Amino acid sequence: TIKVNKKLDSLLKRINKRHDFHGSVLVAKNQKIVYQNQVGYADFRKKVPLKEESVFQLASVSKQFTAAAIMQLKERGKVKLTDTVNAYFPEFPYKNITIKNLLNHTSGLPKYFWVAEHEWKKEKAPTNEDLMKVLPVSKAQRFFKPGRNFDYSNTGYFVLASIVEKISGLSFQDYLKQNIFDPLEMNDSFVFSFQNDSVRKNQLIGYRLHRGWRHLKIKNNVNDAIVGDKNVYSTPKDLFKWIYGLNSGNVLSR
C-alpha cells in the first residue's frame, strides 16, 4: 500500500497542477479503503485547502438517491411504478406520465429552470412544493408524449422528490436522512435547499473557471431551493458507505 499511496499522491499533485483539479479521491478494494486524499482549495481567495471533512455538492449524482427513495416506497407498497403523477398531484398539467417515465427520463417534461426563471414572481427561491403549484398554470409545453423518447430531465427528478415528500409526509431532506443516510451511517451527507436550510460546517461552495485562470464563486440562483435533481451534499467516505450499502441489499433488495 505504501507504493500505491505514493503513486496516487503524485498523480493527485500532477492533475492538480496540470488540469486544475481541486477535489477528493477515495479508492477502495474488497470493502476496505486503501487510499484517501484530497488536493487543492476549498476557498480560492483565502487559499484554504480542502480537507477530508470537506462536503461536496453532488449535483446530478444526487439523482440516484431520489431514485432509491422511490424504489424503497415501491418495496413498501406505497407506490407503483405504473402510477401517474396525477395520482399524487391531481392538478399536475402533464397527463399520463408514470413514475417509471420519470425515473427513466422518458416523461417529455419541460425544463423547470425556465418556469422558475420566467413564471415565479416572488423574491425567495421556490421550494419543490412551491413549484409544483406553479406548474398547473405554467405556459411551458411538454417536449413529447410520455414514453416516446429519452430526454435527460432535471424536472422529472424534482417531481419524483416531490412525490416522495407527498407520500411520506416528510421533507425530502428528512426522508433521506431517516431512510438512507442514518441507516448507512452517512453522517456527513444531507440535502440542502438554498434559503431554507442553514449552511453546515465544511459545506463547500462551487467555483467556475473564468478566462482559464480565475476561480469565481458560483452564486446561488432561483433554481437552488429545488431538490431531488441535485442538492445532495456528501463526502467520498459517505459515498463509499453508500455504494456498499446499496450493493449489499441494505437499502433496497437487489
Protein backbone atom coordinates (compact mmCIF):
# COMPACT_ATOMS: atom_id res chain seq x y z
CA THR A 1 0.00 0.00 0.00
CA ILE A 2 2.87 2.42 0.61
CA LYS A 3 3.78 2.11 -3.06
CA VAL A 4 0.16 2.64 -4.13
CA ASN A 5 -0.15 5.66 -1.83
CA LYS A 6 2.99 7.26 -3.24
CA LYS A 7 1.79 6.73 -6.80
CA LEU A 8 -1.67 8.12 -6.12
CA ASP A 9 -0.27 11.10 -4.20
CA SER A 10 1.93 12.02 -7.13
CA LEU A 11 -0.98 11.52 -9.55
CA LEU A 12 -3.13 13.87 -7.46
CA LYS A 13 -0.41 16.53 -7.40
CA ARG A 14 0.03 16.18 -11.15
CA ILE A 15 -3.66 16.53 -12.07
CA ASN A 16 -3.93 19.44 -9.65
CA LYS A 17 -1.10 21.23 -11.45
CA ARG A 18 -1.87 20.20 -14.98
CA HIS A 19 -5.67 20.12 -15.03
CA ASP A 20 -6.51 22.46 -12.18
CA PHE A 21 -8.18 19.59 -10.30
CA HIS A 22 -9.38 20.52 -6.83
CA GLY A 23 -11.07 17.63 -5.14
CA SER A 24 -11.03 14.48 -3.16
CA VAL A 25 -10.25 10.89 -4.08
CA LEU A 26 -11.06 7.62 -2.36
CA VAL A 27 -10.01 4.17 -3.57
CA ALA A 28 -11.43 1.00 -2.03
CA LYS A 29 -10.85 -2.69 -2.61
CA ASN A 30 -12.81 -5.55 -1.05
CA GLN A 31 -14.74 -3.15 1.19
CA LYS A 32 -11.53 -1.65 2.57
CA ILE A 33 -10.43 1.90 1.93
CA VAL A 34 -6.91 1.66 0.53
CA TYR A 35 -6.37 5.31 -0.30
CA GLN A 36 -7.96 8.62 0.57
CA ASN A 37 -6.63 12.09 -0.04
CA GLN A 38 -7.55 15.50 -1.38
CA VAL A 39 -5.78 18.28 -3.22
CA GLY A 40 -6.41 21.96 -3.94
CA TYR A 41 -8.54 24.65 -2.38
CA ALA A 42 -11.86 24.84 -0.58
CA ASP A 43 -11.62 28.64 -0.76
CA PHE A 44 -9.50 30.13 -3.54
CA ARG A 45 -9.39 33.70 -2.28
CA LYS A 46 -8.36 32.79 1.25
CA LYS A 47 -6.27 29.85 0.00
CA VAL A 48 -7.95 27.47 2.43
CA PRO A 49 -7.08 23.89 1.45
CA LEU A 50 -9.64 21.12 1.05
CA LYS A 51 -9.66 18.63 3.90
CA GLU A 52 -11.02 15.15 4.49
CA GLU A 53 -14.14 16.63 6.15
CA SER A 54 -14.99 18.91 3.19
CA VAL A 55 -18.55 18.24 1.97
CA PHE A 56 -19.24 18.46 -1.78
CA GLN A 57 -22.44 19.33 -3.64
CA LEU A 58 -23.08 16.23 -5.74
CA ALA A 59 -25.12 17.99 -8.46
CA SER A 60 -26.76 15.33 -10.65
CA VAL A 61 -25.05 12.49 -8.78
CA SER A 62 -27.86 13.32 -6.30
CA LYS A 63 -30.42 11.73 -8.63
CA GLN A 64 -29.53 8.17 -7.57
CA PHE A 65 -30.74 8.95 -4.03
CA THR A 66 -34.08 10.21 -5.37
CA ALA A 67 -34.46 7.02 -7.42
CA ALA A 68 -33.55 4.87 -4.40
CA ALA A 69 -36.13 6.68 -2.24
CA ILE A 70 -38.86 5.98 -4.80
CA MET A 71 -37.83 2.31 -5.06
CA GLN A 72 -37.94 2.00 -1.26
CA LEU A 73 -41.51 3.33 -1.29
CA LYS A 74 -42.32 0.85 -4.06
CA GLU A 75 -40.94 -2.05 -1.99
CA ARG A 76 -43.04 -0.92 0.96
CA GLY A 77 -46.14 -0.96 -1.23
CA LYS A 78 -46.65 2.81 -1.02
CA VAL A 79 -46.27 3.46 -4.74
CA LYS A 80 -46.43 1.58 -8.06
CA LEU A 81 -44.14 2.35 -10.98
CA THR A 82 -47.21 2.44 -13.22
CA ASP A 83 -48.84 5.19 -11.10
CA THR A 84 -49.15 8.53 -12.83
CA VAL A 85 -48.03 11.81 -11.27
CA ASN A 86 -51.73 12.78 -11.17
CA ALA A 87 -52.40 10.04 -8.62
CA TYR A 88 -50.42 12.18 -6.15
CA PHE A 89 -50.86 15.65 -7.67
CA PRO A 90 -54.33 15.82 -9.30
CA GLU A 91 -53.64 19.34 -10.65
CA PHE A 92 -50.43 18.32 -12.44
CA PRO A 93 -51.00 19.52 -16.01
CA TYR A 94 -48.96 16.91 -17.91
CA LYS A 95 -51.15 13.81 -18.03
CA ASN A 96 -50.26 10.11 -18.32
CA ILE A 97 -46.70 10.45 -17.04
CA THR A 98 -45.82 7.41 -14.93
CA ILE A 99 -43.27 7.18 -12.15
CA LYS A 100 -41.32 4.85 -14.43
CA ASN A 101 -41.22 7.58 -17.12
CA LEU A 102 -39.80 9.99 -14.54
CA LEU A 103 -37.15 7.51 -13.37
CA ASN A 104 -36.08 6.68 -16.92
CA HIS A 105 -36.09 10.23 -18.35
CA THR A 106 -38.88 9.43 -20.81
CA SER A 107 -41.50 11.88 -19.48
CA GLY A 108 -41.00 14.69 -22.01
CA LEU A 109 -41.45 17.28 -19.25
CA PRO A 110 -40.38 20.88 -19.90
CA LYS A 111 -37.41 22.39 -18.09
CA TYR A 112 -38.33 23.64 -14.63
CA PHE A 113 -35.44 26.16 -14.77
CA TRP A 114 -37.43 28.05 -17.36
CA VAL A 115 -40.57 28.00 -15.21
CA ALA A 116 -38.68 29.23 -12.11
CA GLU A 117 -36.91 31.95 -14.06
CA HIS A 118 -39.93 33.24 -16.01
CA GLU A 119 -43.07 32.39 -14.06
CA TRP A 120 -42.10 32.52 -10.39
CA LYS A 121 -42.85 36.03 -9.17
CA LYS A 122 -41.52 36.10 -5.60
CA GLU A 123 -38.09 37.12 -4.32
CA LYS A 124 -37.48 33.90 -2.39
CA ALA A 125 -36.43 30.88 -4.46
CA PRO A 126 -39.28 28.36 -4.85
CA THR A 127 -39.25 25.04 -2.99
CA ASN A 128 -40.46 21.83 -4.63
CA GLU A 129 -43.91 22.39 -3.16
CA ASP A 130 -43.99 25.98 -4.47
CA LEU A 131 -43.02 25.00 -7.99
CA MET A 132 -45.47 22.08 -8.13
CA LYS A 133 -48.18 24.71 -7.53
CA VAL A 134 -46.91 26.89 -10.40
CA LEU A 135 -46.86 24.08 -12.99
CA PRO A 136 -50.68 23.83 -13.39
CA VAL A 137 -50.75 27.46 -14.57
CA SER A 138 -47.46 27.34 -16.48
CA LYS A 139 -47.17 28.07 -20.20
CA ALA A 140 -44.35 25.53 -20.52
CA GLN A 141 -45.23 22.83 -23.06
CA ARG A 142 -44.10 19.23 -22.86
CA PHE A 143 -41.49 18.12 -25.41
CA PHE A 144 -43.14 14.83 -26.39
CA LYS A 145 -45.71 12.26 -25.27
CA PRO A 146 -44.52 10.19 -22.31
CA GLY A 147 -42.53 7.12 -23.36
CA ARG A 148 -41.80 8.42 -26.88
CA ASN A 149 -38.18 9.49 -26.35
CA PHE A 150 -35.32 9.63 -23.92
CA ASP A 151 -34.57 13.19 -22.82
CA TYR A 152 -32.45 13.72 -19.71
CA SER A 153 -34.72 15.56 -17.32
CA ASN A 154 -33.99 17.52 -14.15
CA THR A 155 -37.70 18.27 -13.94
CA GLY A 156 -38.52 14.57 -13.72
CA TYR A 157 -36.33 14.17 -10.65
CA PHE A 158 -37.67 17.28 -8.94
CA VAL A 159 -41.16 15.80 -9.45
CA LEU A 160 -40.01 12.42 -8.05
CA ALA A 161 -38.66 14.11 -4.90
CA SER A 162 -41.99 15.94 -4.58
CA ILE A 163 -43.80 12.59 -4.75
CA VAL A 164 -41.51 11.20 -2.02
CA GLU A 165 -42.46 14.18 0.17
CA LYS A 166 -46.17 13.77 -0.59
CA ILE A 167 -46.29 10.03 0.18
CA SER A 168 -44.01 10.05 3.24
CA GLY A 169 -45.25 13.29 4.80
CA LEU A 170 -41.58 14.22 5.34
CA SER A 171 -39.35 16.80 3.73
CA PHE A 172 -37.03 15.23 1.15
CA GLN A 173 -34.12 16.02 3.49
CA ASP A 174 -35.78 14.18 6.40
CA TYR A 175 -36.79 11.24 4.23
CA LEU A 176 -33.24 10.63 3.01
CA LYS A 177 -31.82 11.18 6.50
CA GLN A 178 -34.16 8.66 8.13
CA ASN A 179 -34.18 6.04 5.36
CA ILE A 180 -30.75 6.20 3.74
CA PHE A 181 -28.17 8.43 5.44
CA ASP A 182 -28.76 7.40 9.08
CA PRO A 183 -29.13 3.64 8.44
CA LEU A 184 -25.86 3.63 6.45
CA GLU A 185 -24.12 5.98 8.93
CA MET A 186 -23.56 8.57 6.21
CA ASN A 187 -23.09 11.18 8.91
CA ASP A 188 -21.77 13.94 6.65
CA SER A 189 -24.49 13.72 4.00
CA PHE A 190 -27.54 15.95 3.75
CA VAL A 191 -29.95 17.67 1.40
CA PHE A 192 -29.53 21.44 1.15
CA SER A 193 -32.25 23.81 -0.06
CA PHE A 194 -30.99 27.37 -0.65
CA GLN A 195 -32.68 30.00 1.59
CA ASN A 196 -34.47 27.28 3.57
CA ASP A 197 -31.58 25.44 5.22
CA SER A 198 -28.63 26.82 7.12
CA VAL A 199 -25.16 26.26 5.70
CA ARG A 200 -23.33 23.48 7.53
CA LYS A 201 -19.79 23.21 8.74
CA ASN A 202 -17.39 22.10 5.97
CA GLN A 203 -20.02 22.67 3.27
CA LEU A 204 -18.21 23.71 0.09
CA ILE A 205 -19.14 26.43 -2.38
CA GLY A 206 -18.77 25.67 -6.08
CA TYR A 207 -16.39 27.56 -8.35
CA ARG A 208 -16.19 28.10 -12.07
CA LEU A 209 -13.15 28.95 -14.10
CA HIS A 210 -13.12 32.43 -15.63
CA ARG A 211 -10.86 33.12 -18.61
CA GLY A 212 -8.88 29.98 -17.92
CA TRP A 213 -7.26 31.14 -14.68
CA ARG A 214 -9.58 32.89 -12.21
CA HIS A 215 -11.80 30.89 -9.90
CA LEU A 216 -15.12 32.62 -9.34
CA LYS A 217 -17.69 31.52 -6.77
CA ILE A 218 -20.87 30.20 -8.32
CA LYS A 219 -23.66 32.36 -6.90
CA ASN A 220 -26.98 30.88 -5.86
CA ASN A 221 -29.97 31.49 -8.09
CA VAL A 222 -33.74 31.00 -8.24
CA ASN A 223 -33.37 27.26 -9.03
CA ASP A 224 -31.27 26.42 -5.99
CA ALA A 225 -34.00 25.66 -3.46
CA ILE A 226 -35.26 22.77 -5.61
CA VAL A 227 -34.11 19.31 -4.51
CA GLY A 228 -34.21 15.80 -5.98
CA ASP A 229 -32.39 16.54 -9.22
CA LYS A 230 -29.44 17.98 -7.25
CA ASN A 231 -28.53 19.39 -3.83
CA VAL A 232 -27.40 16.27 -2.01
CA TYR A 233 -24.10 17.08 -0.25
CA SER A 234 -21.70 14.32 0.69
CA THR A 235 -18.11 13.15 1.13
CA PRO A 236 -16.15 10.38 -0.61
CA LYS A 237 -16.22 8.32 2.61
CA ASP A 238 -20.01 8.55 2.78
CA LEU A 239 -20.33 7.65 -0.90
CA PHE A 240 -18.14 4.61 -0.20
CA LYS A 241 -20.63 3.59 2.54
CA TRP A 242 -23.49 4.23 0.12
CA ILE A 243 -22.10 2.02 -2.68
CA TYR A 244 -21.57 -0.90 -0.31
CA GLY A 245 -24.89 -0.32 1.45
CA LEU A 246 -26.73 -0.31 -1.86
CA ASN A 247 -24.92 -3.35 -3.27
CA SER A 248 -25.36 -5.36 -0.09
CA GLY A 249 -29.15 -5.03 -0.20
CA ASN A 250 -29.32 -2.95 2.99
CA VAL A 251 -31.17 -0.08 1.32
CA LEU A 252 -33.13 -1.96 -1.33
CA SER A 253 -33.44 -5.60 -2.27
CA ARG A 254 -31.49 -6.50 -5.40
